[in-house]
Amino acid sequence: MGTTQLESVPEPKYWHLKTVLSEALDHDFAVGEILPNERELAARFGVARATLRQALEQLELEGRLQRRRGVGTTVAPPRVGVAVGSARHSWPGESADGWEAVDAAEALPTAAVLKLLAAGSGSAASGSASASAVFAADQPVHTVRRTRVTEGQVVAAELLYVPAASVPGLSAIDAPAGPARARAVLRELQRLALDGQDRSVELGSARADDAKELDRLPGAPVLLVTTRYFTAGGTAAVSVATYRADTCRLTFGDEGVEITETRAAS
């Protein structure tokens, strides 16, 4: 990697640095190689460490770099697309959806969960749901945790919020805890007639618990995919899936936005 000092340029300095670093990654580094530390890189290019961090964050977001606990910043391998699927009439947990059940817990909903369940209630993607559900703070909600694993690596973590009223037949005796409990909630949810779903995608930052599960640093860029599942009575469940931004890309199909997961080439 060269030691060229950055001069005044019309674009933001961190963006110009990103371009310079990207070219260096193409020619001077091998996949998996660890980059010099921030202090050394900042000195080489004559920039503040804050500017360097901005450039590194952009490269991480583009999937060129990976930052891992106890390892440092490494050159990311090429990305290969793996379709997640975009079936609009499929409940979570149905065959071949690619997710693994981890756990389930029942508790009174927080204000944030209530807001998620209330948003969009009564307006299914298919337009067939007409009644608006009313979610009360004193009514329990099941929170199902699932993960998406590719090549042995967790690339996404999901929290699925299911109001107890959506799964009245759930038995605590048959599946009291753990993955079995999570699968039981999903099975009961699938007994409902799904009228439709809607999905939104936004860029976010990994929370501490998500970062740990995804082997990322807290604050790392992630894609937050929120999916609402509708029945005739309104919102039956809401999924919030956190994808590693460096392993996912979005493609646009005939039916809207598809989520395309990516993995490292072997």
C-alpha atoms as a PDB file:
ATOM      1  CA  MET A   1       0.000   0.000   0.000  1.00  0.00           C
ATOM      2  CA  GLY A   2       1.410   3.392  -0.971  1.00  0.00           C
ATOM      3  CA  THR A   3       1.934   6.388   1.268  1.00  0.00           C
ATOM      4  CA  THR A   4       0.471   9.080  -0.999  1.00  0.00           C
ATOM      5  CA  GLN A   5      -0.760  12.081   0.970  1.00  0.00           C
ATOM      6  CA  LEU A   6      -4.296  13.142   0.124  1.00  0.00           C
ATOM      7  CA  GLU A   7      -4.606  16.618  -1.312  1.00  0.00           C
ATOM      8  CA  SER A   8      -7.587  18.891  -1.534  1.00  0.00           C
ATOM      9  CA  VAL A   9     -10.333  17.248  -3.583  1.00  0.00           C
ATOM     10  CA  PRO A  10     -13.915  18.370  -4.314  1.00  0.00           C
ATOM     11  CA  GLU A  11     -15.416  15.207  -2.809  1.00  0.00           C
ATOM     12  CA  PRO A  12     -15.356  14.415   0.921  1.00  0.00           C
ATOM     13  CA  LYS A  13     -11.896  13.361   2.034  1.00  0.00           C
ATOM     14  CA  TYR A  14     -13.120  10.078   3.487  1.00  0.00           C
ATOM     15  CA  TRP A  15     -14.777   9.189   0.175  1.00  0.00           C
ATOM     16  CA  HIS A  16     -11.601   9.840  -1.769  1.00  0.00           C
ATOM     17  CA  LEU A  17      -9.699   7.776   0.797  1.00  0.00           C
ATOM     18  CA  LYS A  18     -12.225   4.969   0.337  1.00  0.00           C
ATOM     19  CA  THR A  19     -11.428   4.914  -3.387  1.00  0.00           C
ATOM     20  CA  VAL A  20      -7.689   4.806  -2.726  1.00  0.00           C
ATOM     21  CA  LEU A  21      -8.095   2.028  -0.174  1.00  0.00           C
ATOM     22  CA  SER A  22     -10.357   0.067  -2.506  1.00  0.00           C
ATOM     23  CA  GLU A  23      -7.696   0.113  -5.218  1.00  0.00           C
ATOM     24  CA  ALA A  24      -5.106  -1.044  -2.690  1.00  0.00           C
ATOM     25  CA  LEU A  25      -7.360  -3.933  -1.659  1.00  0.00           C
ATOM     26  CA  ASP A  26      -7.518  -5.027  -5.303  1.00  0.00           C
ATOM     27  CA  HIS A  27      -3.763  -5.012  -5.849  1.00  0.00           C
ATOM     28  CA  ASP A  28      -1.862  -5.176  -2.574  1.00  0.00           C
ATOM     29  CA  PHE A  29      -3.865  -7.461  -0.276  1.00  0.00           C
ATOM     30  CA  ALA A  30      -5.099 -11.038  -0.374  1.00  0.00           C
ATOM     31  CA  VAL A  31      -8.475 -12.251   0.808  1.00  0.00           C
ATOM     32  CA  GLY A  32      -8.409 -12.731   4.562  1.00  0.00           C
ATOM     33  CA  GLU A  33      -5.294 -10.611   5.075  1.00  0.00           C
ATOM     34  CA  ILE A  34      -5.324  -8.339   8.099  1.00  0.00           C
ATOM     35  CA  LEU A  35      -4.938  -4.611   7.431  1.00  0.00           C
ATOM     36  CA  PRO A  36      -2.498  -2.439   9.405  1.00  0.00           C
ATOM     37  CA  ASN A  37      -4.004  -0.806  12.468  1.00  0.00           C
ATOM     38  CA  GLU A  38      -5.856   2.500  12.266  1.00  0.00           C
ATOM     39  CA  ARG A  39      -2.960   4.556  13.597  1.00  0.00           C
ATOM     40  CA  GLU A  40      -0.592   3.264  10.920  1.00  0.00           C
ATOM     41  CA  LEU A  41      -3.092   3.685   8.104  1.00  0.00           C
ATOM     42  CA  ALA A  42      -3.988   7.229   9.187  1.00  0.00           C
ATOM     43  CA  ALA A  43      -0.295   8.153   9.274  1.00  0.00           C
ATOM     44  CA  ARG A  44       0.355   6.684   5.817  1.00  0.00           C
ATOM     45  CA  PHE A  45      -2.400   8.706   4.222  1.00  0.00           C
ATOM     46  CA  GLY A  46      -2.060  11.833   6.315  1.00  0.00           C
ATOM     47  CA  VAL A  47      -5.652  11.845   7.530  1.00  0.00           C
ATOM     48  CA  ALA A  48      -7.327  11.967  10.894  1.00  0.00           C
ATOM     49  CA  ARG A  49      -8.363   8.650  12.367  1.00  0.00           C
ATOM     50  CA  ALA A  50     -11.988   9.800  12.263  1.00  0.00           C
ATOM     51  CA  THR A  51     -11.680  10.230   8.480  1.00  0.00           C
ATOM     52  CA  LEU A  52     -10.087   6.817   8.165  1.00  0.00           C
ATOM     53  CA  ARG A  53     -12.876   5.210  10.174  1.00  0.00           C
ATOM     54  CA  GLN A  54     -15.477   6.718   7.846  1.00  0.00           C
ATOM     55  CA  ALA A  55     -13.697   5.243   4.843  1.00  0.00           C
ATOM     56  CA  LEU A  56     -13.370   1.840   6.505  1.00  0.00           C
ATOM     57  CA  GLU A  57     -17.047   1.859   7.453  1.00  0.00           C
ATOM     58  CA  GLN A  58     -17.999   2.515   3.829  1.00  0.00           C
ATOM     59  CA  LEU A  59     -15.805  -0.344   2.623  1.00  0.00           C
ATOM     60  CA  GLU A  60     -17.303  -2.614   5.252  1.00  0.00           C
ATOM     61  CA  LEU A  61     -20.799  -1.636   4.146  1.00  0.00           C
ATOM     62  CA  GLU A  62     -19.856  -2.464   0.541  1.00  0.00           C
ATOM     63  CA  GLY A  63     -18.605  -5.879   1.627  1.00  0.00           C
ATOM     64  CA  ARG A  64     -14.922  -5.187   0.890  1.00  0.00           C
ATOM     65  CA  LEU A  65     -13.812  -5.439   4.516  1.00  0.00           C
ATOM     66  CA  GLN A  66     -14.783  -7.432   7.586  1.00  0.00           C
ATOM     67  CA  ARG A  67     -14.145  -6.298  11.157  1.00  0.00           C
ATOM     68  CA  ARG A  68     -14.225  -9.034  13.778  1.00  0.00           C
ATOM     69  CA  ARG A  69     -13.649  -9.204  17.505  1.00  0.00           C
ATOM     70  CA  GLY A  70     -10.149 -10.265  18.422  1.00  0.00           C
ATOM     71  CA  VAL A  71      -9.013 -10.371  14.787  1.00  0.00           C
ATOM     72  CA  GLY A  72      -9.099  -6.863  13.368  1.00  0.00           C
ATOM     73  CA  THR A  73      -9.998  -5.624   9.899  1.00  0.00           C
ATOM     74  CA  THR A  74      -9.547  -8.187   7.133  1.00  0.00           C
ATOM     75  CA  VAL A  75     -10.103  -8.244   3.387  1.00  0.00           C
ATOM     76  CA  ALA A  76     -13.478  -9.828   2.684  1.00  0.00           C
ATOM     77  CA  PRO A  77     -13.861 -12.708   0.220  1.00  0.00           C
ATOM     78  CA  PRO A  78     -15.983 -12.360  -2.930  1.00  0.00           C
ATOM     79  CA  ARG A  79     -19.713 -12.515  -2.330  1.00  0.00           C
ATOM     80  CA  VAL A  80     -21.972 -15.105  -3.913  1.00  0.00           C
ATOM     81  CA  GLY A  81     -25.731 -14.601  -4.028  1.00  0.00           C
ATOM     82  CA  VAL A  82     -28.012 -17.096  -2.287  1.00  0.00           C
ATOM     83  CA  ALA A  83     -31.744 -16.407  -2.682  1.00  0.00           C
ATOM     84  CA  VAL A  84     -33.691 -16.050   0.553  1.00  0.00           C
ATOM     85  CA  GLY A  85     -37.040 -16.079  -1.247  1.00  0.00           C
ATOM     86  CA  SER A  86     -39.942 -13.661  -1.370  1.00  0.00           C
ATOM     87  CA  ALA A  87     -43.076 -15.807  -1.112  1.00  0.00           C
ATOM     88  CA  ARG A  88     -45.873 -13.454  -0.163  1.00  0.00           C
ATOM     89  CA  HIS A  89     -48.195 -16.151   1.171  1.00  0.00           C
ATOM     90  CA  SER A  90     -45.911 -18.143   3.412  1.00  0.00           C
ATOM     91  CA  TRP A  91     -45.769 -18.120   7.201  1.00  0.00           C
ATOM     92  CA  PRO A  92     -42.368 -18.067   8.905  1.00  0.00           C
ATOM     93  CA  GLY A  93     -41.202 -21.570   9.772  1.00  0.00           C
ATOM     94  CA  GLU A  94     -42.749 -23.286   6.756  1.00  0.00           C
ATOM     95  CA  SER A  95     -40.624 -25.797   4.862  1.00  0.00           C
ATOM     96  CA  ALA A  96     -37.289 -24.672   3.397  1.00  0.00           C
ATOM     97  CA  ASP A  97     -37.455 -21.098   4.689  1.00  0.00           C
ATOM     98  CA  GLY A  98     -33.791 -21.346   5.727  1.00  0.00           C
ATOM     99  CA  TRP A  99     -34.167 -20.319   9.370  1.00  0.00           C
ATOM    100  CA  GLU A 100     -33.332 -22.283  12.524  1.00  0.00           C
ATOM    101  CA  ALA A 101     -35.439 -21.946  15.671  1.00  0.00           C
ATOM    102  CA  VAL A 102     -33.405 -20.967  18.732  1.00  0.00           C
ATOM    103  CA  ASP A 103     -35.775 -20.080  21.559  1.00  0.00           C
ATOM    104  CA  ALA A 104     -39.115 -18.563  22.497  1.00  0.00           C
ATOM    105  CA  ALA A 105     -40.269 -16.544  25.477  1.00  0.00           C
ATOM    106  CA  GLU A 106     -43.614 -15.139  26.564  1.00  0.00           C
ATOM    107  CA  ALA A 107     -43.858 -11.747  28.247  1.00  0.00           C
ATOM    108  CA  LEU A 108     -45.846  -8.545  28.314  1.00  0.00           C
ATOM    109  CA  PRO A 109     -44.906  -6.400  25.310  1.00  0.00           C
ATOM    110  CA  THR A 110     -42.714  -3.342  25.570  1.00  0.00           C
ATOM    111  CA  ALA A 111     -43.844  -0.047  24.080  1.00  0.00           C
ATOM    112  CA  ALA A 112     -41.592  -0.686  21.068  1.00  0.00           C
ATOM    113  CA  VAL A 113     -43.161  -4.100  20.424  1.00  0.00           C
ATOM    114  CA  LEU A 114     -46.662  -2.684  20.764  1.00  0.00           C
ATOM    115  CA  LYS A 115     -45.774  -0.037  18.207  1.00  0.00           C
ATOM    116  CA  LEU A 116     -44.490  -2.686  15.785  1.00  0.00           C
ATOM    117  CA  LEU A 117     -47.646  -4.764  16.107  1.00  0.00           C
ATOM    118  CA  ALA A 118     -49.953  -1.778  15.744  1.00  0.00           C
ATOM    119  CA  ALA A 119     -48.233  -0.304  12.676  1.00  0.00           C
ATOM    120  CA  GLY A 120     -50.004  -1.400   9.515  1.00  0.00           C
ATOM    121  CA  SER A 121     -52.607  -3.400  11.440  1.00  0.00           C
ATOM    122  CA  GLY A 122     -55.681  -4.032   9.373  1.00  0.00           C
ATOM    123  CA  SER A 123     -54.092  -3.208   6.001  1.00  0.00           C
ATOM    124  CA  ALA A 124     -52.675  -6.397   4.533  1.00  0.00           C
ATOM    125  CA  ALA A 125     -50.630  -6.346   1.389  1.00  0.00           C
ATOM    126  CA  SER A 126     -53.437  -8.175  -0.397  1.00  0.00           C
ATOM    127  CA  GLY A 127     -55.957  -5.627   0.797  1.00  0.00           C
ATOM    128  CA  SER A 128     -58.205  -8.317   2.283  1.00  0.00           C
ATOM    129  CA  ALA A 129     -57.677  -7.570   5.961  1.00  0.00           C
ATOM    130  CA  SER A 130     -60.219  -5.055   7.089  1.00  0.00           C
ATOM    131  CA  ALA A 131     -60.415  -5.161  10.872  1.00  0.00           C
ATOM    132  CA  SER A 132     -57.828  -3.274  12.884  1.00  0.00           C
ATOM    133  CA  ALA A 133     -56.452  -5.292  15.772  1.00  0.00           C
ATOM    134  CA  VAL A 134     -56.050  -3.575  19.118  1.00  0.00           C
ATOM    135  CA  PHE A 135     -52.996  -4.662  21.076  1.00  0.00           C
ATOM    136  CA  ALA A 136     -53.083  -4.143  24.812  1.00  0.00           C
ATOM    137  CA  ALA A 137     -50.066  -3.784  27.048  1.00  0.00           C
ATOM    138  CA  ASP A 138     -51.485  -6.382  29.452  1.00  0.00           C
ATOM    139  CA  GLN A 139     -51.750  -9.105  26.793  1.00  0.00           C
ATOM    140  CA  PRO A 140     -48.665 -11.362  26.462  1.00  0.00           C
ATOM    141  CA  VAL A 141     -46.620 -11.705  23.291  1.00  0.00           C
ATOM    142  CA  HIS A 142     -44.452 -14.658  22.260  1.00  0.00           C
ATOM    143  CA  THR A 143     -40.981 -13.659  21.058  1.00  0.00           C
ATOM    144  CA  VAL A 144     -39.423 -16.322  18.848  1.00  0.00           C
ATOM    145  CA  ARG A 145     -35.696 -16.115  18.149  1.00  0.00           C
ATOM    146  CA  ARG A 146     -34.355 -17.658  14.943  1.00  0.00           C
ATOM    147  CA  THR A 147     -31.067 -17.539  13.048  1.00  0.00           C
ATOM    148  CA  ARG A 148     -30.092 -17.908   9.414  1.00  0.00           C
ATOM    149  CA  VAL A 149     -26.947 -19.972   8.875  1.00  0.00           C
ATOM    150  CA  THR A 150     -24.911 -20.239   5.671  1.00  0.00           C
ATOM    151  CA  GLU A 151     -21.729 -22.279   5.402  1.00  0.00           C
ATOM    152  CA  GLY A 152     -21.727 -22.671   9.166  1.00  0.00           C
ATOM    153  CA  GLN A 153     -21.858 -18.906   9.766  1.00  0.00           C
ATOM    154  CA  VAL A 154     -24.780 -16.982  11.235  1.00  0.00           C
ATOM    155  CA  VAL A 155     -25.637 -14.256   8.698  1.00  0.00           C
ATOM    156  CA  ALA A 156     -28.974 -13.092  10.098  1.00  0.00           C
ATOM    157  CA  ALA A 157     -30.880 -13.069  13.379  1.00  0.00           C
ATOM    158  CA  GLU A 158     -34.639 -12.704  13.695  1.00  0.00           C
ATOM    159  CA  LEU A 159     -37.085 -11.748  16.421  1.00  0.00           C
ATOM    160  CA  LEU A 160     -40.630 -12.807  15.585  1.00  0.00           C
ATOM    161  CA  TYR A 161     -43.346 -11.231  17.735  1.00  0.00           C
ATOM    162  CA  VAL A 162     -46.550 -13.267  17.965  1.00  0.00           C
ATOM    163  CA  PRO A 163     -49.435 -12.045  20.162  1.00  0.00           C
ATOM    164  CA  ALA A 164     -50.804 -14.821  22.364  1.00  0.00           C
ATOM    165  CA  ALA A 165     -54.207 -14.205  20.786  1.00  0.00           C
ATOM    166  CA  SER A 166     -52.785 -15.370  17.436  1.00  0.00           C
ATOM    167  CA  VAL A 167     -51.870 -18.804  18.841  1.00  0.00           C
ATOM    168  CA  PRO A 168     -54.602 -19.643  21.373  1.00  0.00           C
ATOM    169  CA  GLY A 169     -54.017 -23.397  20.989  1.00  0.00           C
ATOM    170  CA  LEU A 170     -50.393 -23.254  22.134  1.00  0.00           C
ATOM    171  CA  SER A 171     -49.667 -25.637  25.004  1.00  0.00           C
ATOM    172  CA  ALA A 172     -46.939 -24.816  27.506  1.00  0.00           C
ATOM    173  CA  ILE A 173     -46.873 -28.435  28.610  1.00  0.00           C
ATOM    174  CA  ASP A 174     -45.979 -29.882  25.200  1.00  0.00           C
ATOM    175  CA  ALA A 175     -43.072 -27.484  24.596  1.00  0.00           C
ATOM    176  CA  PRO A 176     -42.102 -25.484  27.685  1.00  0.00           C
ATOM    177  CA  ALA A 177     -38.891 -23.854  26.414  1.00  0.00           C
ATOM    178  CA  GLY A 178     -36.045 -23.744  23.904  1.00  0.00           C
ATOM    179  CA  PRO A 179     -36.170 -24.563  20.182  1.00  0.00           C
ATOM    180  CA  ALA A 180     -39.126 -26.923  20.693  1.00  0.00           C
ATOM    181  CA  ARG A 181     -41.141 -24.053  22.166  1.00  0.00           C
ATOM    182  CA  ALA A 182     -40.203 -21.814  19.225  1.00  0.00           C
ATOM    183  CA  ARG A 183     -41.273 -24.467  16.715  1.00  0.00           C
ATOM    184  CA  ALA A 184     -44.551 -24.951  18.586  1.00  0.00           C
ATOM    185  CA  VAL A 185     -45.359 -21.238  18.290  1.00  0.00           C
ATOM    186  CA  LEU A 186     -44.581 -21.363  14.573  1.00  0.00           C
ATOM    187  CA  ARG A 187     -46.774 -24.436  14.037  1.00  0.00           C
ATOM    188  CA  GLU A 188     -49.720 -22.798  15.761  1.00  0.00           C
ATOM    189  CA  LEU A 189     -49.221 -19.611  13.741  1.00  0.00           C
ATOM    190  CA  GLN A 190     -49.378 -21.638  10.530  1.00  0.00           C
ATOM    191  CA  ARG A 191     -52.893 -22.786  11.421  1.00  0.00           C
ATOM    192  CA  LEU A 192     -54.161 -19.291  10.596  1.00  0.00           C
ATOM    193  CA  ALA A 193     -55.219 -18.273   7.109  1.00  0.00           C
ATOM    194  CA  LEU A 194     -52.565 -15.862   5.851  1.00  0.00           C
ATOM    195  CA  ASP A 195     -54.107 -12.992   3.880  1.00  0.00           C
ATOM    196  CA  GLY A 196     -50.860 -11.298   2.954  1.00  0.00           C
ATOM    197  CA  GLN A 197     -47.743  -9.592   4.212  1.00  0.00           C
ATOM    198  CA  ASP A 198     -45.735  -6.443   3.708  1.00  0.00           C
ATOM    199  CA  ARG A 199     -42.013  -5.916   4.059  1.00  0.00           C
ATOM    200  CA  SER A 200     -39.764  -2.930   4.603  1.00  0.00           C
ATOM    201  CA  VAL A 201     -35.983  -2.690   4.541  1.00  0.00           C
ATOM    202  CA  GLU A 202     -33.765  -0.090   6.156  1.00  0.00           C
ATOM    203  CA  LEU A 203     -30.134   0.349   7.045  1.00  0.00           C
ATOM    204  CA  GLY A 204     -29.334   0.199  10.739  1.00  0.00           C
ATOM    205  CA  SER A 205     -26.623  -0.437  13.304  1.00  0.00           C
ATOM    206  CA  ALA A 206     -26.135  -3.723  15.125  1.00  0.00           C
ATOM    207  CA  ARG A 207     -27.266  -3.724  18.732  1.00  0.00           C
ATOM    208  CA  ALA A 208     -25.007  -5.427  21.248  1.00  0.00           C
ATOM    209  CA  ASP A 209     -27.007  -8.681  21.353  1.00  0.00           C
ATOM    210  CA  ASP A 210     -27.362  -8.867  17.553  1.00  0.00           C
ATOM    211  CA  ALA A 211     -23.680  -8.048  17.072  1.00  0.00           C
ATOM    212  CA  LYS A 212     -22.658 -10.911  19.342  1.00  0.00           C
ATOM    213  CA  GLU A 213     -24.871 -13.392  17.522  1.00  0.00           C
ATOM    214  CA  LEU A 214     -23.702 -12.221  14.083  1.00  0.00           C
ATOM    215  CA  ASP A 215     -20.022 -12.052  15.093  1.00  0.00           C
ATOM    216  CA  ARG A 216     -19.927  -8.326  14.384  1.00  0.00           C
ATOM    217  CA  LEU A 217     -18.870  -5.309  16.372  1.00  0.00           C
ATOM    218  CA  PRO A 218     -21.640  -3.274  18.063  1.00  0.00           C
ATOM    219  CA  GLY A 219     -22.698  -0.508  15.713  1.00  0.00           C
ATOM    220  CA  ALA A 220     -21.697  -2.433  12.578  1.00  0.00           C
ATOM    221  CA  PRO A 221     -23.963  -1.754   9.576  1.00  0.00           C
ATOM    222  CA  VAL A 222     -26.872  -4.155   9.237  1.00  0.00           C
ATOM    223  CA  LEU A 223     -30.010  -4.448   7.140  1.00  0.00           C
ATOM    224  CA  LEU A 224     -33.219  -4.483   9.161  1.00  0.00           C
ATOM    225  CA  VAL A 225     -36.015  -6.312   7.360  1.00  0.00           C
ATOM    226  CA  THR A 226     -39.422  -5.891   8.992  1.00  0.00           C
ATOM    227  CA  THR A 227     -42.198  -8.191   7.787  1.00  0.00           C
ATOM    228  CA  ARG A 228     -45.812  -7.988   8.930  1.00  0.00           C
ATOM    229  CA  TYR A 229     -48.100 -10.986   8.507  1.00  0.00           C
ATOM    230  CA  PHE A 230     -51.815 -10.313   8.083  1.00  0.00           C
ATOM    231  CA  THR A 231     -54.975 -12.290   8.681  1.00  0.00           C
ATOM    232  CA  ALA A 232     -58.575 -11.145   8.307  1.00  0.00           C
ATOM    233  CA  GLY A 233     -58.389  -9.736  11.820  1.00  0.00           C
ATOM    234  CA  GLY A 234     -55.309  -7.602  11.214  1.00  0.00           C
ATOM    235  CA  THR A 235     -51.663  -8.150  12.131  1.00  0.00           C
ATOM    236  CA  ALA A 236     -51.010 -11.694  13.345  1.00  0.00           C
ATOM    237  CA  ALA A 237     -47.233 -11.430  13.767  1.00  0.00           C
ATOM    238  CA  VAL A 238     -44.277  -9.164  13.040  1.00  0.00           C
ATOM    239  CA  SER A 239     -40.754 -10.278  12.161  1.00  0.00           C
ATOM    240  CA  VAL A 240     -37.666  -8.091  12.571  1.00  0.00           C
ATOM    241  CA  ALA A 241     -34.698  -9.767  10.875  1.00  0.00           C
ATOM    242  CA  THR A 242     -31.205  -8.322  11.206  1.00  0.00           C
ATOM    243  CA  TYR A 243     -28.935  -9.192   8.284  1.00  0.00           C
ATOM    244  CA  ARG A 244     -25.203  -8.603   8.094  1.00  0.00           C
ATOM    245  CA  ALA A 245     -24.911  -5.765   5.599  1.00  0.00           C
ATOM    246  CA  ASP A 246     -21.656  -7.181   4.246  1.00  0.00           C
ATOM    247  CA  THR A 247     -23.301 -10.487   3.315  1.00  0.00           C
ATOM    248  CA  CYS A 248     -26.572  -9.263   1.780  1.00  0.00           C
ATOM    249  CA  ARG A 249     -27.719  -7.333  -1.228  1.00  0.00           C
ATOM    250  CA  LEU A 250     -31.149  -6.287  -2.466  1.00  0.00           C
ATOM    251  CA  THR A 251     -32.476  -7.215  -5.880  1.00  0.00           C
ATOM    252  CA  PHE A 252     -35.704  -6.023  -7.452  1.00  0.00           C
ATOM    253  CA  GLY A 253     -38.047  -8.591  -8.945  1.00  0.00           C
ATOM    254  CA  ASP A 254     -41.442  -8.463 -10.618  1.00  0.00           C
ATOM    255  CA  GLU A 255     -43.234  -8.692  -7.275  1.00  0.00           C
ATOM    256  CA  GLY A 256     -41.208  -6.049  -5.468  1.00  0.00           C
ATOM    257  CA  VAL A 257     -38.052  -6.269  -3.424  1.00  0.00           C
ATOM    258  CA  GLU A 258     -36.416  -9.620  -2.869  1.00  0.00           C
ATOM    259  CA  ILE A 259     -33.834 -10.229  -0.155  1.00  0.00           C
ATOM    260  CA  THR A 260     -30.779 -11.945  -1.591  1.00  0.00           C
ATOM    261  CA  GLU A 261     -28.417 -13.328   0.993  1.00  0.00           C
ATOM    262  CA  THR A 262     -24.756 -13.635   0.077  1.00  0.00           C
ATOM    263  CA  ARG A 263     -21.990 -15.797   1.384  1.00  0.00           C
ATOM    264  CA  ALA A 264     -18.264 -16.031   1.037  1.00  0.00           C
ATOM    265  CA  ALA A 265     -17.003 -18.053  -1.863  1.00  0.00           C
ATOM    266  CA  SER A 266     -15.337 -21.244  -0.732  1.00  0.00           C
END
